[in-house]
Amino acid sequence: MAPTFTEEHEALRSTLRRFLADKAPSEAVRRSMESAEGHDPVLWQQMAAQLGLHGLALPEEYGGFGGGPVELGIVLEELGRVLLPSPYFASVALAGQALAASGDEAAKARWLPSIADGSLTATLALAEEGGSWRVEDVAATATHGDEGWQVTGTKMFVIDGHSADLLLVAARTDTCPGLFAVDGAAAGVTRTRLETLDPTRRLARIDLDGASALRVGPEGDATAYLRTVVDLVVVALAAEQVGGAQACLDAAVEYAKVRVQFGRPIGSFQAVKHKCADMLLQVEAARSAVYRAMSVAAGEPDELPVSAALAAAYCSDAFTHAAKENIQIHGGIGYTWEHDAHLYLKRAKSSEQLFGSPATHRARLADLVGI
C-alpha cells in the first residue's frame, strides 16, 4: 500500500513548495540553467542550511536527519514541479542513496556528512556507450595493484558528471562488478559536458584512464547491491516525474479556464475537457505507483524491483503525455521559447530515457512477475 503521510510529511511538502515559489520561479530557473555552473550556488547552500534537504534522507550518525525514500520522494516531487536545475538529484538521490545502502561504514563516514551539509557534490556513473543501466552491461574495469584500485573505461550520460566533486563509478574487477569512488579532479579523469535535449539537467561523458579509486560497498560480488541502488534511483526519478506531470496538468487546466475562443473559455469545449481528464487519470495512476514504490523502498526491499519497474513505466509515460497535452492545450504559445511548456516536454523526454525506456521497464516487470 502507499505510504500514509504524516503531519511532518505534509509540513515538509508545504514548506518546500513555498520556498521554491519564492526562490525558484521560472525566471530564476532559466537564469540557473543558462549559467556557467548550471545551478544557483546560493540556493544550493540555502537548501542545505535552511531546510536541511541534503541530509533529509541520510542516516543521523552521518549528519543526516534519518529519513528515507518517502521523505526523499516528497522533496523530488516538489523539485520536479519547478524543474529546478540543481546537483540535488545527483548528489542525494544517486550518490547519497548509493553510499547509504552500501554497508561500508568507512565510506559513509568519509563522504555522507559533506553531502548532508552541501559542501560536497557527487554523482553515480554506471551507464556506458549503450546507455544501459543494467549491471550486467558494465564494461569499465577496475584493477588492484601496489597503489590500490585503478579504474579504466568510459561512462556516459552521467548526471552533473562535469562538475561533481566525487564520482561513484561502477566497474568490473577480474571476477565481479563493484562500485568505486573516484575524485572528480584526479589524474586520469577526463570530463566532457554533453549537448543535451534538456537544458535544466546537465549530463557528461567521463573517460577514466587508470584513475585512482577506493572500493565502496561489498568486497565480493556487488551485483545485488548495485541492482538495489538502481531501483532506488529509478523510484527517485519517478517521484520527480510525477511532480513535473502535475505541474503540466495544473498549467493546462489553468490556461483552459482563462483562454477564451469563440466567446467561451476553451475549457468548456468537450475535446479540451477530455484531454484534461485523460491527463488527470494518468497523473493520478502514476502518483499511486510511485507512492507505493516509495513505501516499498522504505520497508519492503524484497518487493522493490517490481515496484520500481512499475513506477518507472507509469511515471515516464504520464509525464511525457502530460507535457505533450499541455503544449497542445496552450496552442502556438506553448511551442515558443518564452513559454515554459517546452521545458517540461524536454525534461519529460530526457527523463523517459535516462534509466531505461518505459518499454524496457515493462519488459523487466513482465520478467519479474513471470509473464
Protein backbone atom coordinates (compact mmCIF):
# COMPACT_ATOMS: atom_id res chain seq x y z
CA MET A 1 0.00 0.00 0.00
CA ALA A 2 1.05 3.63 -0.44
CA PRO A 3 2.64 5.46 2.48
CA THR A 4 0.47 7.28 4.99
CA PHE A 5 1.81 10.80 5.01
CA THR A 6 2.18 12.27 8.49
CA GLU A 7 1.74 15.87 9.55
CA GLU A 8 5.53 16.21 9.32
CA HIS A 9 5.45 14.97 5.72
CA GLU A 10 2.76 17.46 4.76
CA ALA A 11 4.62 20.26 6.55
CA LEU A 12 7.76 19.36 4.60
CA ARG A 13 5.84 19.48 1.33
CA SER A 14 4.13 22.81 2.03
CA THR A 15 7.32 24.44 3.37
CA LEU A 16 9.34 23.33 0.36
CA ARG A 17 6.63 24.45 -2.06
CA ARG A 18 6.58 27.93 -0.52
CA PHE A 19 10.38 28.05 -0.53
CA LEU A 20 10.59 27.12 -4.21
CA ALA A 21 7.82 29.51 -5.18
CA ASP A 22 9.90 32.29 -3.63
CA LYS A 23 13.39 31.18 -4.62
CA ALA A 24 12.88 29.31 -7.89
CA PRO A 25 10.26 30.97 -10.10
CA SER A 26 10.53 30.46 -13.84
CA GLU A 27 12.87 33.40 -14.29
CA ALA A 28 15.32 32.04 -11.71
CA VAL A 29 15.19 28.56 -13.25
CA ARG A 30 16.09 29.99 -16.66
CA ARG A 31 18.96 32.02 -15.21
CA SER A 32 20.32 28.95 -13.46
CA MET A 33 20.13 26.64 -16.45
CA GLU A 34 21.96 29.20 -18.61
CA SER A 35 24.67 29.97 -16.05
CA ALA A 36 28.20 28.58 -16.10
CA GLU A 37 27.53 26.46 -13.00
CA GLY A 38 24.19 25.16 -14.28
CA HIS A 39 22.58 25.95 -10.92
CA ASP A 40 22.37 28.68 -8.30
CA PRO A 41 25.16 28.09 -5.71
CA VAL A 42 23.47 30.39 -3.18
CA LEU A 43 20.18 28.50 -3.43
CA TRP A 44 22.11 25.21 -3.17
CA GLN A 45 23.53 26.27 0.20
CA GLN A 46 20.17 27.62 1.38
CA MET A 47 18.56 24.26 0.62
CA ALA A 48 21.15 22.61 2.84
CA ALA A 49 21.48 25.14 5.65
CA GLN A 50 17.93 26.49 5.95
CA LEU A 51 15.85 23.42 5.06
CA GLY A 52 18.27 20.54 5.66
CA LEU A 53 17.20 18.95 2.38
CA HIS A 54 20.58 17.41 1.56
CA GLY A 55 20.67 15.32 4.72
CA LEU A 56 16.95 14.64 4.96
CA ALA A 57 17.17 11.03 3.73
CA LEU A 58 20.61 10.26 5.17
CA PRO A 59 21.39 8.49 8.50
CA GLU A 60 21.61 10.70 11.58
CA GLU A 61 25.04 9.36 12.55
CA TYR A 62 26.45 10.85 9.35
CA GLY A 63 24.94 14.30 9.64
CA GLY A 64 21.54 13.48 8.19
CA PHE A 65 18.03 13.53 9.62
CA GLY A 66 17.29 9.81 9.41
CA GLY A 67 14.62 9.94 6.72
CA GLY A 68 14.37 7.61 3.77
CA PRO A 69 12.84 7.10 0.33
CA VAL A 70 9.46 8.54 1.35
CA GLU A 71 10.93 11.84 2.52
CA LEU A 72 13.29 11.96 -0.44
CA GLY A 73 10.38 11.29 -2.79
CA ILE A 74 8.41 14.23 -1.40
CA VAL A 75 11.37 16.55 -1.97
CA LEU A 76 11.98 15.30 -5.51
CA GLU A 77 8.31 15.61 -6.41
CA GLU A 78 8.41 19.28 -5.41
CA LEU A 79 11.73 19.91 -7.20
CA GLY A 80 10.26 18.26 -10.30
CA ARG A 81 7.29 20.63 -10.23
CA VAL A 82 9.58 23.60 -10.87
CA LEU A 83 12.30 21.84 -12.94
CA LEU A 84 14.93 23.13 -10.52
CA PRO A 85 18.45 22.94 -12.03
CA SER A 86 20.47 21.61 -9.11
CA PRO A 87 23.05 18.94 -8.15
CA TYR A 88 20.46 17.61 -5.69
CA PHE A 89 19.33 14.63 -7.73
CA ALA A 90 22.89 13.51 -8.49
CA SER A 91 24.32 14.17 -5.03
CA VAL A 92 21.47 12.95 -2.83
CA ALA A 93 19.22 10.66 -4.88
CA LEU A 94 22.09 8.95 -6.72
CA ALA A 95 25.33 9.15 -4.75
CA GLY A 96 23.77 9.67 -1.33
CA GLN A 97 21.47 6.67 -1.63
CA ALA A 98 24.28 4.54 -3.07
CA LEU A 99 26.56 5.34 -0.13
CA ALA A 100 23.80 4.93 2.47
CA ALA A 101 22.87 1.50 1.09
CA SER A 102 26.46 0.33 0.73
CA GLY A 103 27.01 -1.04 4.22
CA ASP A 104 30.50 0.47 4.01
CA GLU A 105 30.90 2.36 7.26
CA ALA A 106 34.23 3.94 6.30
CA ALA A 107 32.80 5.28 3.02
CA LYS A 108 29.66 6.59 4.71
CA ALA A 109 31.68 8.35 7.41
CA ARG A 110 34.01 9.86 4.85
CA TRP A 111 31.50 11.33 2.40
CA LEU A 112 27.94 11.43 3.73
CA PRO A 113 28.48 14.30 6.23
CA SER A 114 29.81 16.50 3.42
CA ILE A 115 26.88 15.61 1.17
CA ALA A 116 24.50 16.38 4.04
CA ASP A 117 25.91 19.86 4.65
CA GLY A 118 26.11 20.73 0.95
CA SER A 119 29.89 21.09 0.80
CA LEU A 120 30.35 18.05 -1.47
CA THR A 121 28.63 17.30 -4.76
CA ALA A 122 28.66 13.74 -6.04
CA THR A 123 27.14 11.54 -8.71
CA LEU A 124 26.78 7.94 -9.82
CA ALA A 125 28.36 6.75 -13.09
CA LEU A 126 27.02 3.41 -14.33
CA ALA A 127 25.78 3.69 -17.93
CA GLU A 128 28.24 3.46 -20.80
CA GLU A 129 28.12 3.93 -24.59
CA GLY A 130 24.94 1.91 -24.99
CA GLY A 131 23.11 3.88 -22.30
CA SER A 132 22.10 0.75 -20.35
CA TRP A 133 21.77 0.89 -16.57
CA ARG A 134 21.84 -2.92 -16.28
CA VAL A 135 24.66 -4.02 -14.00
CA GLU A 136 25.40 -6.88 -16.39
CA ASP A 137 26.30 -4.40 -19.14
CA VAL A 138 29.08 -2.65 -17.21
CA ALA A 139 32.35 -2.90 -19.17
CA ALA A 140 34.62 -0.42 -17.34
CA THR A 141 37.36 -2.26 -15.47
CA ALA A 142 38.93 -1.91 -12.04
CA THR A 143 42.33 -3.42 -11.28
CA HIS A 144 44.15 -3.69 -7.97
CA GLY A 145 47.88 -3.09 -7.73
CA ASP A 146 50.51 -1.80 -5.36
CA GLU A 147 48.94 1.66 -5.37
CA GLY A 148 45.41 0.44 -4.79
CA TRP A 149 42.47 0.35 -7.17
CA GLN A 150 42.57 1.95 -10.60
CA VAL A 151 39.56 2.34 -12.90
CA THR A 152 39.60 2.47 -16.70
CA GLY A 153 36.69 2.94 -19.07
CA THR A 154 34.10 5.39 -20.37
CA LYS A 155 30.90 6.41 -18.62
CA MET A 156 28.11 8.21 -20.46
CA PHE A 157 25.08 10.32 -19.52
CA VAL A 158 26.45 10.98 -16.04
CA ILE A 159 24.18 13.49 -14.30
CA ASP A 160 26.24 16.54 -13.25
CA GLY A 161 29.33 14.50 -14.03
CA HIS A 162 31.10 17.54 -15.46
CA SER A 163 31.21 19.26 -12.05
CA ALA A 164 30.72 16.66 -9.30
CA ASP A 165 33.46 16.52 -6.67
CA LEU A 166 33.01 12.77 -6.19
CA LEU A 167 32.30 10.13 -8.82
CA LEU A 168 30.91 6.75 -7.78
CA VAL A 169 31.85 4.55 -10.72
CA ALA A 170 30.53 1.06 -11.42
CA ALA A 171 33.33 -1.11 -12.81
CA ARG A 172 34.14 -4.79 -13.25
CA THR A 173 37.01 -6.49 -11.45
CA ASP A 174 38.53 -9.78 -12.62
CA THR A 175 35.63 -11.65 -11.04
CA CYS A 176 32.64 -9.39 -10.45
CA PRO A 177 31.15 -5.87 -10.59
CA GLY A 178 31.84 -3.33 -7.88
CA LEU A 179 31.46 0.35 -7.04
CA PHE A 180 34.49 2.65 -6.83
CA ALA A 181 34.89 6.20 -5.56
CA VAL A 182 36.97 8.48 -7.78
CA ASP A 183 37.93 12.09 -7.12
CA GLY A 184 36.45 14.17 -9.92
CA ALA A 185 39.72 16.11 -10.25
CA ALA A 186 42.02 13.06 -10.10
CA ALA A 187 44.67 12.30 -12.71
CA GLY A 188 43.31 10.06 -15.45
CA VAL A 189 39.80 11.57 -15.31
CA THR A 190 38.56 13.49 -18.36
CA ARG A 191 35.11 15.02 -18.16
CA THR A 192 33.17 16.36 -21.14
CA ARG A 193 29.83 18.08 -20.87
CA LEU A 194 27.34 16.69 -23.39
CA GLU A 195 24.93 18.66 -25.55
CA THR A 196 21.53 17.53 -24.31
CA LEU A 197 17.85 17.97 -25.05
CA ASP A 198 17.03 19.12 -21.52
CA PRO A 199 18.75 22.41 -20.60
CA THR A 200 17.73 22.09 -16.93
CA ARG A 201 19.75 18.89 -16.33
CA ARG A 202 23.37 18.55 -17.40
CA LEU A 203 24.93 15.27 -18.45
CA ALA A 204 28.56 14.38 -19.06
CA ARG A 205 30.88 11.82 -20.58
CA ILE A 206 33.61 10.65 -18.23
CA ASP A 207 36.73 8.95 -19.55
CA LEU A 208 38.83 7.14 -16.96
CA ASP A 209 42.38 6.06 -17.70
CA GLY A 210 43.86 4.32 -14.69
CA ALA A 211 42.20 6.76 -12.29
CA SER A 212 42.94 6.07 -8.61
CA ALA A 213 39.89 4.81 -6.74
CA LEU A 214 38.61 3.43 -3.44
CA ARG A 215 36.24 0.50 -3.39
CA VAL A 216 32.81 1.20 -1.90
CA GLY A 217 30.32 -1.37 -0.68
CA PRO A 218 30.62 -5.17 -0.66
CA GLU A 219 34.12 -6.56 -1.18
CA GLY A 220 32.83 -9.50 -3.18
CA ASP A 221 30.23 -9.58 -5.93
CA ALA A 222 28.32 -6.27 -5.71
CA THR A 223 25.72 -7.17 -8.33
CA ALA A 224 22.81 -7.42 -5.87
CA TYR A 225 23.83 -4.17 -4.15
CA LEU A 226 24.14 -2.29 -7.44
CA ARG A 227 20.76 -3.56 -8.61
CA THR A 228 19.22 -2.26 -5.40
CA VAL A 229 20.87 1.11 -5.95
CA VAL A 230 19.48 1.31 -9.48
CA ASP A 231 15.98 0.50 -8.20
CA LEU A 232 16.25 3.25 -5.57
CA VAL A 233 17.39 5.69 -8.25
CA VAL A 234 14.54 4.71 -10.56
CA VAL A 235 11.99 5.34 -7.79
CA ALA A 236 13.58 8.72 -7.07
CA LEU A 237 13.31 9.74 -10.71
CA ALA A 238 9.70 8.56 -10.84
CA ALA A 239 8.84 10.86 -7.93
CA GLU A 240 10.41 13.77 -9.78
CA GLN A 241 8.47 12.86 -12.93
CA VAL A 242 5.17 12.91 -11.04
CA GLY A 243 5.95 16.42 -9.84
CA GLY A 244 6.61 17.54 -13.41
CA ALA A 245 3.48 15.83 -14.69
CA GLN A 246 1.35 17.52 -12.04
CA ALA A 247 2.81 20.90 -12.98
CA CYS A 248 1.85 20.29 -16.62
CA LEU A 249 -1.68 19.31 -15.63
CA ASP A 250 -2.07 22.37 -13.42
CA ALA A 251 -0.80 24.69 -16.15
CA ALA A 252 -3.09 23.16 -18.78
CA VAL A 253 -6.19 23.38 -16.59
CA GLU A 254 -5.46 26.96 -15.58
CA TYR A 255 -4.95 28.02 -19.20
CA ALA A 256 -8.14 26.25 -20.26
CA LYS A 257 -10.03 28.34 -17.72
CA VAL A 258 -8.75 31.72 -18.92
CA ARG A 259 -8.17 31.29 -22.67
CA VAL A 260 -11.29 32.45 -24.48
CA GLN A 261 -12.13 31.42 -28.01
CA PHE A 262 -15.43 31.92 -29.87
CA GLY A 263 -16.66 33.77 -26.82
CA ARG A 264 -16.12 30.85 -24.42
CA PRO A 265 -13.27 29.56 -22.24
CA ILE A 266 -11.63 26.71 -24.16
CA GLY A 267 -12.07 24.54 -21.07
CA SER A 268 -15.78 24.43 -21.85
CA PHE A 269 -15.15 22.54 -25.10
CA GLN A 270 -15.60 18.80 -24.83
CA ALA A 271 -12.32 17.94 -26.59
CA VAL A 272 -10.31 20.02 -24.12
CA LYS A 273 -12.25 18.54 -21.20
CA HIS A 274 -11.34 15.06 -22.42
CA LYS A 275 -7.67 15.98 -22.70
CA CYS A 276 -7.59 17.29 -19.14
CA ALA A 277 -9.50 14.29 -17.81
CA ASP A 278 -7.08 11.89 -19.50
CA MET A 279 -4.13 13.80 -18.10
CA LEU A 280 -5.60 13.64 -14.60
CA LEU A 281 -6.16 9.90 -14.89
CA GLN A 282 -2.57 9.25 -15.94
CA VAL A 283 -1.05 11.57 -13.34
CA GLU A 284 -3.05 10.00 -10.50
CA ALA A 285 -2.19 6.48 -11.63
CA ALA A 286 1.49 7.44 -11.78
CA ARG A 287 1.30 9.03 -8.34
CA SER A 288 -0.20 5.86 -6.88
CA ALA A 289 2.56 3.78 -8.47
CA VAL A 290 5.41 5.92 -7.18
CA TYR A 291 3.94 6.36 -3.69
CA ARG A 292 3.68 2.60 -3.46
CA ALA A 293 7.28 2.27 -4.66
CA MET A 294 8.47 4.83 -2.09
CA SER A 295 6.79 2.84 0.68
CA VAL A 296 8.29 -0.43 -0.55
CA ALA A 297 11.76 1.11 -0.80
CA ALA A 298 11.45 2.23 2.81
CA GLY A 299 10.39 -1.08 4.31
CA GLU A 300 9.83 -3.96 1.88
CA PRO A 301 13.11 -4.46 -0.04
CA ASP A 302 12.08 -7.83 -1.47
CA GLU A 303 9.29 -6.14 -3.44
CA LEU A 304 11.40 -3.19 -4.59
CA PRO A 305 12.33 -4.47 -8.09
CA VAL A 306 8.69 -4.97 -9.09
CA SER A 307 7.50 -1.68 -7.61
CA ALA A 308 10.40 0.25 -9.13
CA ALA A 309 9.78 -1.13 -12.62
CA LEU A 310 6.06 -0.40 -12.35
CA ALA A 311 6.64 3.17 -11.15
CA ALA A 312 9.23 3.85 -13.84
CA ALA A 313 6.93 2.73 -16.64
CA TYR A 314 3.86 4.59 -15.39
CA CYS A 315 5.58 7.82 -14.41
CA SER A 316 7.63 8.15 -17.59
CA ASP A 317 4.54 7.74 -19.75
CA ALA A 318 2.44 10.05 -17.59
CA PHE A 319 4.98 12.88 -17.61
CA THR A 320 5.53 12.73 -21.37
CA HIS A 321 1.79 12.56 -22.04
CA ALA A 322 1.04 15.48 -19.72
CA ALA A 323 3.85 17.58 -21.20
CA LYS A 324 2.62 16.98 -24.75
CA GLU A 325 -1.01 17.70 -23.90
CA ASN A 326 -0.01 20.84 -22.02
CA ILE A 327 1.55 22.18 -25.21
CA GLN A 328 -1.50 21.16 -27.27
CA ILE A 329 -3.89 22.95 -24.93
CA HIS A 330 -1.74 26.08 -24.92
CA GLY A 331 -1.60 26.05 -28.71
CA GLY A 332 1.02 28.07 -30.56
CA ILE A 333 2.34 29.87 -27.48
CA GLY A 334 3.28 26.53 -25.95
CA TYR A 335 5.89 25.99 -28.67
CA THR A 336 7.71 29.25 -28.05
CA TRP A 337 10.96 29.64 -26.13
CA GLU A 338 9.32 32.25 -23.90
CA HIS A 339 6.84 29.74 -22.51
CA ASP A 340 7.87 27.04 -20.03
CA ALA A 341 5.75 24.29 -21.59
CA HIS A 342 8.58 23.24 -23.89
CA LEU A 343 10.99 22.95 -20.93
CA TYR A 344 8.70 20.40 -19.31
CA LEU A 345 8.47 18.42 -22.55
CA LYS A 346 12.26 18.39 -22.86
CA ARG A 347 12.66 17.23 -19.26
CA ALA A 348 9.96 14.58 -19.78
CA LYS A 349 11.56 13.13 -22.92
CA SER A 350 15.03 13.21 -21.40
CA SER A 351 13.90 11.54 -18.17
CA GLU A 352 11.93 8.97 -20.15
CA GLN A 353 15.20 7.53 -21.50
CA LEU A 354 17.55 8.31 -18.62
CA PHE A 355 17.43 4.98 -16.75
CA GLY A 356 15.69 2.92 -19.40
CA SER A 357 12.63 3.49 -21.56
CA PRO A 358 9.10 2.66 -20.36
CA ALA A 359 9.16 -0.37 -22.69
CA THR A 360 12.37 -1.57 -21.03
CA HIS A 361 10.82 -1.31 -17.58
CA ARG A 362 7.63 -3.03 -18.71
CA ALA A 363 9.70 -5.90 -20.13
CA ARG A 364 11.60 -6.15 -16.86
CA LEU A 365 8.33 -6.12 -14.91
CA ALA A 366 7.00 -8.96 -17.07
CA ASP A 367 10.13 -10.99 -16.36
CA LEU A 368 9.93 -10.33 -12.63
CA VAL A 369 6.32 -11.48 -12.33
CA GLY A 370 6.81 -14.41 -14.69
CA ILE A 371 4.71 -13.27 -17.63
